[in-house]
N, C-alpha and C. Protein backbone atom coordinates (compact mmCIF):
# COMPACT_ATOMS: atom_id res chain seq x y z
N MET A 1 -19.86 -7.28 4.56
CA MET A 1 -18.57 -7.93 4.67
C MET A 1 -17.64 -7.38 3.59
N ILE A 2 -16.42 -7.05 3.97
CA ILE A 2 -15.44 -6.54 3.03
C ILE A 2 -14.70 -7.73 2.43
N GLU A 3 -14.59 -7.72 1.11
CA GLU A 3 -13.94 -8.83 0.42
C GLU A 3 -12.66 -8.38 -0.23
N LYS A 4 -11.83 -9.36 -0.53
CA LYS A 4 -10.64 -9.06 -1.31
C LYS A 4 -11.10 -8.60 -2.68
N THR A 5 -10.50 -7.53 -3.16
CA THR A 5 -10.93 -7.01 -4.45
C THR A 5 -9.81 -7.00 -5.48
N LYS A 6 -8.61 -6.67 -5.07
CA LYS A 6 -7.54 -6.48 -6.04
C LYS A 6 -6.22 -6.95 -5.46
N GLN A 7 -5.36 -7.38 -6.32
CA GLN A 7 -3.99 -7.63 -5.92
C GLN A 7 -3.20 -6.36 -6.18
N ASN A 8 -2.27 -6.10 -5.33
CA ASN A 8 -1.39 -4.96 -5.52
C ASN A 8 0.04 -5.41 -5.34
N LYS A 9 0.96 -4.53 -5.59
CA LYS A 9 2.37 -4.87 -5.53
C LYS A 9 3.05 -4.28 -4.30
N LEU A 10 2.26 -3.88 -3.34
CA LEU A 10 2.79 -3.20 -2.16
C LEU A 10 3.78 -4.06 -1.39
N LYS A 11 3.41 -5.28 -1.07
CA LYS A 11 4.29 -6.13 -0.27
C LYS A 11 5.61 -6.38 -0.99
N ASP A 12 5.54 -6.71 -2.28
CA ASP A 12 6.76 -6.95 -3.05
C ASP A 12 7.65 -5.72 -3.07
N TYR A 13 7.07 -4.56 -3.31
CA TYR A 13 7.84 -3.32 -3.36
C TYR A 13 8.48 -3.03 -2.01
N ARG A 14 7.69 -3.17 -0.95
CA ARG A 14 8.18 -2.90 0.40
C ARG A 14 9.34 -3.83 0.76
N GLU A 15 9.20 -5.10 0.45
CA GLU A 15 10.25 -6.06 0.77
C GLU A 15 11.50 -5.84 -0.08
N GLN A 16 11.34 -5.49 -1.35
CA GLN A 16 12.49 -5.23 -2.21
C GLN A 16 13.30 -4.04 -1.74
N HIS A 17 12.62 -3.08 -1.11
CA HIS A 17 13.28 -1.88 -0.62
C HIS A 17 13.60 -1.94 0.87
N LEU A 18 13.47 -3.16 1.43
CA LEU A 18 13.82 -3.43 2.83
C LEU A 18 13.14 -2.48 3.81
N ILE A 19 11.85 -2.28 3.61
CA ILE A 19 11.04 -1.43 4.49
C ILE A 19 10.14 -2.36 5.31
N SER A 20 10.17 -2.21 6.61
CA SER A 20 9.32 -3.05 7.44
C SER A 20 7.88 -2.55 7.40
N LYS A 21 6.97 -3.44 7.75
CA LYS A 21 5.56 -3.04 7.81
C LYS A 21 5.36 -1.93 8.83
N THR A 22 6.01 -2.09 9.96
CA THR A 22 5.88 -1.10 11.03
C THR A 22 6.35 0.27 10.59
N GLU A 23 7.50 0.30 9.93
CA GLU A 23 8.06 1.56 9.44
C GLU A 23 7.14 2.21 8.43
N LEU A 24 6.63 1.44 7.47
CA LEU A 24 5.76 2.01 6.45
C LEU A 24 4.45 2.50 7.06
N ALA A 25 3.87 1.72 7.96
CA ALA A 25 2.63 2.12 8.61
C ALA A 25 2.82 3.43 9.37
N ARG A 26 3.93 3.54 10.08
CA ARG A 26 4.22 4.77 10.83
C ARG A 26 4.40 5.95 9.88
N ASP A 27 5.20 5.78 8.83
CA ASP A 27 5.46 6.87 7.89
C ASP A 27 4.20 7.29 7.13
N ALA A 28 3.32 6.33 6.85
CA ALA A 28 2.09 6.63 6.13
C ALA A 28 0.97 7.09 7.06
N GLU A 29 1.23 7.01 8.35
CA GLU A 29 0.23 7.39 9.36
C GLU A 29 -1.06 6.58 9.23
N ILE A 30 -0.86 5.25 9.07
CA ILE A 30 -1.99 4.32 9.05
C ILE A 30 -1.68 3.21 10.04
N SER A 31 -2.69 2.46 10.39
CA SER A 31 -2.46 1.38 11.36
C SER A 31 -1.77 0.20 10.68
N LEU A 32 -1.09 -0.56 11.48
CA LEU A 32 -0.42 -1.77 10.99
C LEU A 32 -1.46 -2.76 10.46
N VAL A 33 -2.61 -2.82 11.11
CA VAL A 33 -3.69 -3.71 10.67
C VAL A 33 -4.17 -3.31 9.28
N THR A 34 -4.32 -2.01 9.05
CA THR A 34 -4.74 -1.53 7.74
C THR A 34 -3.73 -1.90 6.68
N LEU A 35 -2.46 -1.68 6.96
CA LEU A 35 -1.41 -2.02 6.00
C LEU A 35 -1.41 -3.51 5.70
N ASP A 36 -1.55 -4.32 6.72
CA ASP A 36 -1.58 -5.77 6.53
C ASP A 36 -2.75 -6.18 5.64
N ARG A 37 -3.90 -5.59 5.85
CA ARG A 37 -5.09 -5.92 5.04
C ARG A 37 -4.88 -5.51 3.58
N ILE A 38 -4.28 -4.36 3.37
CA ILE A 38 -4.03 -3.90 1.99
C ILE A 38 -3.06 -4.85 1.29
N GLU A 39 -2.01 -5.26 2.00
CA GLU A 39 -1.05 -6.18 1.41
C GLU A 39 -1.68 -7.54 1.09
N LYS A 40 -2.73 -7.89 1.80
CA LYS A 40 -3.42 -9.16 1.54
C LYS A 40 -4.45 -9.03 0.42
N GLY A 41 -4.59 -7.84 -0.15
CA GLY A 41 -5.47 -7.67 -1.30
C GLY A 41 -6.80 -7.01 -1.03
N PHE A 42 -7.03 -6.58 0.21
CA PHE A 42 -8.28 -5.88 0.49
C PHE A 42 -8.18 -4.45 -0.01
N ASP A 43 -9.29 -3.90 -0.42
CA ASP A 43 -9.31 -2.55 -0.96
C ASP A 43 -9.21 -1.53 0.17
N CYS A 44 -8.86 -0.31 -0.19
CA CYS A 44 -8.77 0.76 0.80
C CYS A 44 -9.17 2.08 0.13
N ARG A 45 -9.27 3.10 0.94
CA ARG A 45 -9.62 4.42 0.43
C ARG A 45 -8.51 4.99 -0.43
N LEU A 46 -8.89 5.85 -1.33
CA LEU A 46 -7.92 6.53 -2.19
C LEU A 46 -6.94 7.34 -1.35
N SER A 47 -7.43 7.97 -0.29
CA SER A 47 -6.56 8.77 0.57
C SER A 47 -5.51 7.89 1.27
N THR A 48 -5.86 6.66 1.57
CA THR A 48 -4.90 5.74 2.19
C THR A 48 -3.84 5.34 1.17
N LYS A 49 -4.25 5.09 -0.06
CA LYS A 49 -3.29 4.77 -1.12
C LYS A 49 -2.31 5.93 -1.31
N ARG A 50 -2.83 7.13 -1.27
CA ARG A 50 -1.99 8.33 -1.43
C ARG A 50 -0.95 8.40 -0.31
N LYS A 51 -1.37 8.15 0.92
CA LYS A 51 -0.45 8.18 2.07
C LYS A 51 0.66 7.15 1.90
N ILE A 52 0.30 5.97 1.43
CA ILE A 52 1.28 4.90 1.26
C ILE A 52 2.28 5.27 0.16
N ILE A 53 1.77 5.74 -0.95
CA ILE A 53 2.64 6.12 -2.07
C ILE A 53 3.61 7.21 -1.65
N GLU A 54 3.12 8.20 -0.94
CA GLU A 54 3.98 9.29 -0.48
C GLU A 54 4.99 8.80 0.56
N ALA A 55 4.57 7.90 1.44
CA ALA A 55 5.48 7.37 2.46
C ALA A 55 6.59 6.54 1.83
N LEU A 56 6.33 5.94 0.68
CA LEU A 56 7.34 5.18 -0.03
C LEU A 56 8.29 6.08 -0.80
N GLY A 57 7.99 7.38 -0.83
CA GLY A 57 8.84 8.32 -1.53
C GLY A 57 8.58 8.37 -3.02
N LEU A 58 7.43 7.86 -3.43
CA LEU A 58 7.09 7.86 -4.85
C LEU A 58 6.25 9.07 -5.20
N ASN A 59 6.29 9.43 -6.46
CA ASN A 59 5.44 10.49 -6.99
C ASN A 59 4.08 9.86 -7.27
N LEU A 60 3.03 10.62 -7.11
CA LEU A 60 1.68 10.08 -7.35
C LEU A 60 1.51 9.62 -8.79
N ASP A 61 2.32 10.15 -9.71
CA ASP A 61 2.26 9.71 -11.10
C ASP A 61 2.71 8.26 -11.25
N ASN A 62 3.45 7.75 -10.26
CA ASN A 62 3.96 6.39 -10.30
C ASN A 62 3.10 5.43 -9.48
N LYS A 63 1.87 5.80 -9.21
CA LYS A 63 0.99 4.99 -8.37
C LYS A 63 0.77 3.58 -8.92
N ASP A 64 0.85 3.44 -10.25
CA ASP A 64 0.62 2.12 -10.85
C ASP A 64 1.71 1.11 -10.50
N GLU A 65 2.84 1.58 -10.03
CA GLU A 65 3.91 0.67 -9.57
C GLU A 65 3.43 -0.13 -8.37
N ILE A 66 2.59 0.47 -7.57
CA ILE A 66 2.10 -0.17 -6.35
C ILE A 66 0.67 -0.65 -6.50
N PHE A 67 -0.18 0.18 -7.05
CA PHE A 67 -1.61 -0.13 -7.19
C PHE A 67 -2.00 -0.10 -8.66
N PRO A 68 -1.70 -1.17 -9.42
CA PRO A 68 -2.05 -1.18 -10.84
C PRO A 68 -3.57 -1.09 -11.02
N GLU A 69 -3.98 -0.37 -12.03
CA GLU A 69 -5.41 -0.17 -12.25
C GLU A 69 -6.10 -1.38 -12.88
N ASN A 70 -5.43 -2.07 -13.77
CA ASN A 70 -6.07 -3.17 -14.48
C ASN A 70 -5.63 -4.51 -13.90
N ASN A 71 -6.20 -4.82 -12.74
CA ASN A 71 -5.90 -6.12 -12.14
C ASN A 71 -7.16 -6.83 -11.75
């Protein structure tokens, strides 16, 4: 069973920048279900995090804005 592991700032960032879930999922080339699970705090693959960060137009150096390490 997959459990919630970490909180992230993805939903807050997405909403502040007026990006819909559908738009972000499409741009990141991930499913809407996957995006929803990540926003709810479930963990995901590093490659999925990379896709999301790039789809948001962020540099990978700024990954902590979305996925803080110490949470």
